[in-house]
C-alpha atoms as a PDB file:
ATOM      1  CA  MET A   1    -160.637  55.773 -38.674  1.00  0.00           C
ATOM      2  CA  ALA A   2    -159.311  52.256 -38.584  1.00  0.00           C
ATOM      3  CA  ARG A   3    -156.120  51.375 -36.757  1.00  0.00           C
ATOM      4  CA  ALA A   4    -153.593  48.622 -37.309  1.00  0.00           C
ATOM      5  CA  LYS A   5    -150.141  47.571 -36.194  1.00  0.00           C
ATOM      6  CA  MET A   6    -147.530  46.138 -38.477  1.00  0.00           C
ATOM      7  CA  ILE A   7    -144.894  44.096 -36.691  1.00  0.00           C
ATOM      8  CA  VAL A   8    -141.729  43.437 -38.694  1.00  0.00           C
ATOM      9  CA  MET A   9    -138.988  41.049 -37.618  1.00  0.00           C
ATOM     10  CA  ALA A  10    -135.793  41.927 -39.504  1.00  0.00           C
ATOM     11  CA  LYS A  11    -132.573  39.997 -39.998  1.00  0.00           C
ATOM     12  CA  ALA A  12    -129.353  41.602 -41.180  1.00  0.00           C
ATOM     13  CA  THR A  13    -127.245  40.005 -43.855  1.00  0.00           C
ATOM     14  CA  GLU A  14    -124.218  38.306 -42.313  1.00  0.00           C
ATOM     15  CA  GLY A  15    -122.026  40.814 -40.481  1.00  0.00           C
ATOM     16  CA  GLN A  16    -124.235  43.796 -41.388  1.00  0.00           C
ATOM     17  CA  ALA A  17    -126.319  44.339 -38.208  1.00  0.00           C
ATOM     18  CA  GLU A  18    -124.850  47.788 -37.456  1.00  0.00           C
ATOM     19  CA  ALA A  19    -125.220  48.928 -41.065  1.00  0.00           C
ATOM     20  CA  LEU A  20    -128.817  47.674 -41.116  1.00  0.00           C
ATOM     21  CA  ASP A  21    -129.579  49.568 -37.920  1.00  0.00           C
ATOM     22  CA  GLU A  22    -128.138  52.768 -39.401  1.00  0.00           C
ATOM     23  CA  TRP A  23    -130.117  52.325 -42.647  1.00  0.00           C
ATOM     24  CA  TYR A  24    -133.327  51.807 -40.697  1.00  0.00           C
ATOM     25  CA  GLU A  25    -132.787  54.915 -38.574  1.00  0.00           C
ATOM     26  CA  THR A  26    -131.515  57.292 -41.248  1.00  0.00           C
ATOM     27  CA  ARG A  27    -133.385  56.134 -44.334  1.00  0.00           C
ATOM     28  CA  HIS A  28    -136.106  53.522 -43.933  1.00  0.00           C
ATOM     29  CA  VAL A  29    -137.960  54.957 -40.925  1.00  0.00           C
ATOM     30  CA  PRO A  30    -138.208  58.460 -42.478  1.00  0.00           C
ATOM     31  CA  ASP A  31    -139.361  56.902 -45.771  1.00  0.00           C
ATOM     32  CA  LEU A  32    -142.076  54.923 -43.997  1.00  0.00           C
ATOM     33  CA  LEU A  33    -143.224  57.907 -41.949  1.00  0.00           C
ATOM     34  CA  ALA A  34    -143.681  59.802 -45.234  1.00  0.00           C
ATOM     35  CA  VAL A  35    -146.442  57.356 -46.241  1.00  0.00           C
ATOM     36  CA  PRO A  36    -149.830  58.892 -45.395  1.00  0.00           C
ATOM     37  CA  GLY A  37    -151.407  56.862 -42.601  1.00  0.00           C
ATOM     38  CA  VAL A  38    -148.171  55.659 -40.986  1.00  0.00           C
ATOM     39  CA  ARG A  39    -148.334  57.408 -37.603  1.00  0.00           C
ATOM     40  CA  SER A  40    -145.340  56.094 -35.685  1.00  0.00           C
ATOM     41  CA  ILE A  41    -142.590  53.514 -35.657  1.00  0.00           C
ATOM     42  CA  GLU A  42    -140.935  51.907 -32.647  1.00  0.00           C
ATOM     43  CA  ARG A  43    -137.827  49.785 -33.057  1.00  0.00           C
ATOM     44  CA  PHE A  44    -136.264  47.299 -30.690  1.00  0.00           C
ATOM     45  CA  ASP A  45    -133.175  45.086 -30.593  1.00  0.00           C
ATOM     46  CA  VAL A  46    -134.047  41.427 -30.149  1.00  0.00           C
ATOM     47  CA  GLN A  47    -132.464  40.249 -26.895  1.00  0.00           C
ATOM     48  CA  MET A  48    -134.099  36.834 -26.572  1.00  0.00           C
ATOM     49  CA  MET A  49    -136.385  34.813 -28.782  1.00  0.00           C
ATOM     50  CA  LYS A  50    -138.256  31.561 -28.328  1.00  0.00           C
ATOM     51  CA  ALA A  51    -139.345  30.123 -31.651  1.00  0.00           C
ATOM     52  CA  PRO A  52    -139.762  26.742 -33.325  1.00  0.00           C
ATOM     53  CA  ASP A  53    -136.712  25.165 -34.939  1.00  0.00           C
ATOM     54  CA  GLY A  54    -135.883  26.637 -38.305  1.00  0.00           C
ATOM     55  CA  PHE A  55    -136.886  30.215 -37.530  1.00  0.00           C
ATOM     56  CA  PRO A  56    -134.142  32.785 -38.083  1.00  0.00           C
ATOM     57  CA  GLY A  57    -132.676  34.641 -35.139  1.00  0.00           C
ATOM     58  CA  TRP A  58    -134.016  38.093 -35.963  1.00  0.00           C
ATOM     59  CA  ASP A  59    -131.960  41.155 -35.043  1.00  0.00           C
ATOM     60  CA  TYR A  60    -134.664  43.830 -34.852  1.00  0.00           C
ATOM     61  CA  VAL A  61    -138.386  44.252 -34.289  1.00  0.00           C
ATOM     62  CA  GLY A  62    -140.299  47.212 -35.690  1.00  0.00           C
ATOM     63  CA  ILE A  63    -143.811  48.106 -34.610  1.00  0.00           C
ATOM     64  CA  TYR A  64    -145.551  50.454 -37.007  1.00  0.00           C
ATOM     65  CA  GLU A  65    -148.785  52.222 -36.084  1.00  0.00           C
ATOM     66  CA  ILE A  66    -151.124  52.779 -39.015  1.00  0.00           C
ATOM     67  CA  GLU A  67    -154.283  54.867 -38.853  1.00  0.00           C
ATOM     68  CA  ALA A  68    -156.466  55.554 -41.883  1.00  0.00           C
ATOM     69  CA  ASP A  69    -159.936  55.128 -43.289  1.00  0.00           C
ATOM     70  CA  ASP A  70    -158.528  52.368 -45.508  1.00  0.00           C
ATOM     71  CA  ILE A  71    -155.640  50.422 -43.951  1.00  0.00           C
ATOM     72  CA  ASN A  72    -155.235  48.325 -47.094  1.00  0.00           C
ATOM     73  CA  ALA A  73    -154.689  51.491 -49.167  1.00  0.00           C
ATOM     74  CA  VAL A  74    -151.835  52.475 -46.817  1.00  0.00           C
ATOM     75  CA  LEU A  75    -150.278  49.015 -47.161  1.00  0.00           C
ATOM     76  CA  LYS A  76    -150.690  49.176 -50.937  1.00  0.00           C
ATOM     77  CA  GLU A  77    -148.920  52.553 -51.029  1.00  0.00           C
ATOM     78  CA  MET A  78    -146.091  51.176 -48.894  1.00  0.00           C
ATOM     79  CA  GLY A  79    -145.738  48.269 -51.312  1.00  0.00           C
ATOM     80  CA  ALA A  80    -145.749  50.598 -54.320  1.00  0.00           C
ATOM     81  CA  ARG A  81    -142.894  52.638 -52.823  1.00  0.00           C
ATOM     82  CA  MET A  82    -140.761  49.633 -51.830  1.00  0.00           C
ATOM     83  CA  GLY A  83    -137.706  49.260 -54.018  1.00  0.00           C
ATOM     84  CA  THR A  84    -138.045  52.744 -55.530  1.00  0.00           C
ATOM     85  CA  GLU A  85    -136.094  55.912 -54.776  1.00  0.00           C
ATOM     86  CA  ARG A  86    -138.878  56.846 -52.357  1.00  0.00           C
ATOM     87  CA  MET A  87    -138.161  53.692 -50.328  1.00  0.00           C
ATOM     88  CA  PRO A  88    -135.018  51.916 -51.529  1.00  0.00           C
ATOM     89  CA  HIS A  89    -134.051  48.449 -50.384  1.00  0.00           C
ATOM     90  CA  SER A  90    -130.797  47.957 -48.502  1.00  0.00           C
ATOM     91  CA  PRO A  91    -128.444  45.028 -49.150  1.00  0.00           C
ATOM     92  CA  THR A  92    -127.886  44.969 -45.371  1.00  0.00           C
ATOM     93  CA  LEU A  93    -131.412  43.528 -44.916  1.00  0.00           C
ATOM     94  CA  ASP A  94    -131.867  39.799 -45.492  1.00  0.00           C
ATOM     95  CA  SER A  95    -135.339  40.054 -47.022  1.00  0.00           C
ATOM     96  CA  SER A  96    -135.614  36.278 -47.287  1.00  0.00           C
ATOM     97  CA  LYS A  97    -135.759  36.154 -43.473  1.00  0.00           C
ATOM     98  CA  THR A  98    -138.074  39.117 -42.863  1.00  0.00           C
ATOM     99  CA  LEU A  99    -141.379  38.412 -41.157  1.00  0.00           C
ATOM    100  CA  ALA A 100    -144.204  40.949 -41.252  1.00  0.00           C
ATOM    101  CA  VAL A 101    -147.557  40.698 -39.490  1.00  0.00           C
ATOM    102  CA  ILE A 102    -150.429  43.140 -39.998  1.00  0.00           C
ATOM    103  CA  ALA A 103    -152.930  43.213 -37.143  1.00  0.00           C
ATOM    104  CA  HIS A 104    -156.115  45.253 -37.414  1.00  0.00           C
ATOM    105  CA  GLU A 105    -157.578  46.759 -34.273  1.00  0.00           C
ATOM    106  CA  LYS A 106    -160.304  44.621 -32.789  1.00  0.00           C
ATOM    107  CA  ARG A 107    -163.440  46.720 -32.588  1.00  0.00           C
ATOM    108  CA  ARG A 108    -165.596  46.425 -29.511  1.00  0.00           C
ATOM    109  CA  ASP A 109    -169.076  47.645 -30.287  1.00  0.00           C
END
């Protein structure tokens, strides 16, 4: 089985940080955990950030653990569910300022 981490930096729409947090906890996290291959999700509040000028001040960081024979198939399924009833979008999330990084486990043979 291959393993990967997906790190997501999320920014709430103006004045919606609490509503975004609630949506993540009550809706988005359960929806993501329903995708086969998504093993766990950790979420953190951003307390301090050092970034180049022009980067948004993200509110939350999510670290998703993915484990599957085909990581890309898991990501494809996540993408297929996004914006549907199985994984609806929230207007509290400023998608234009979301950053996602997928990192595959480095194999040491």
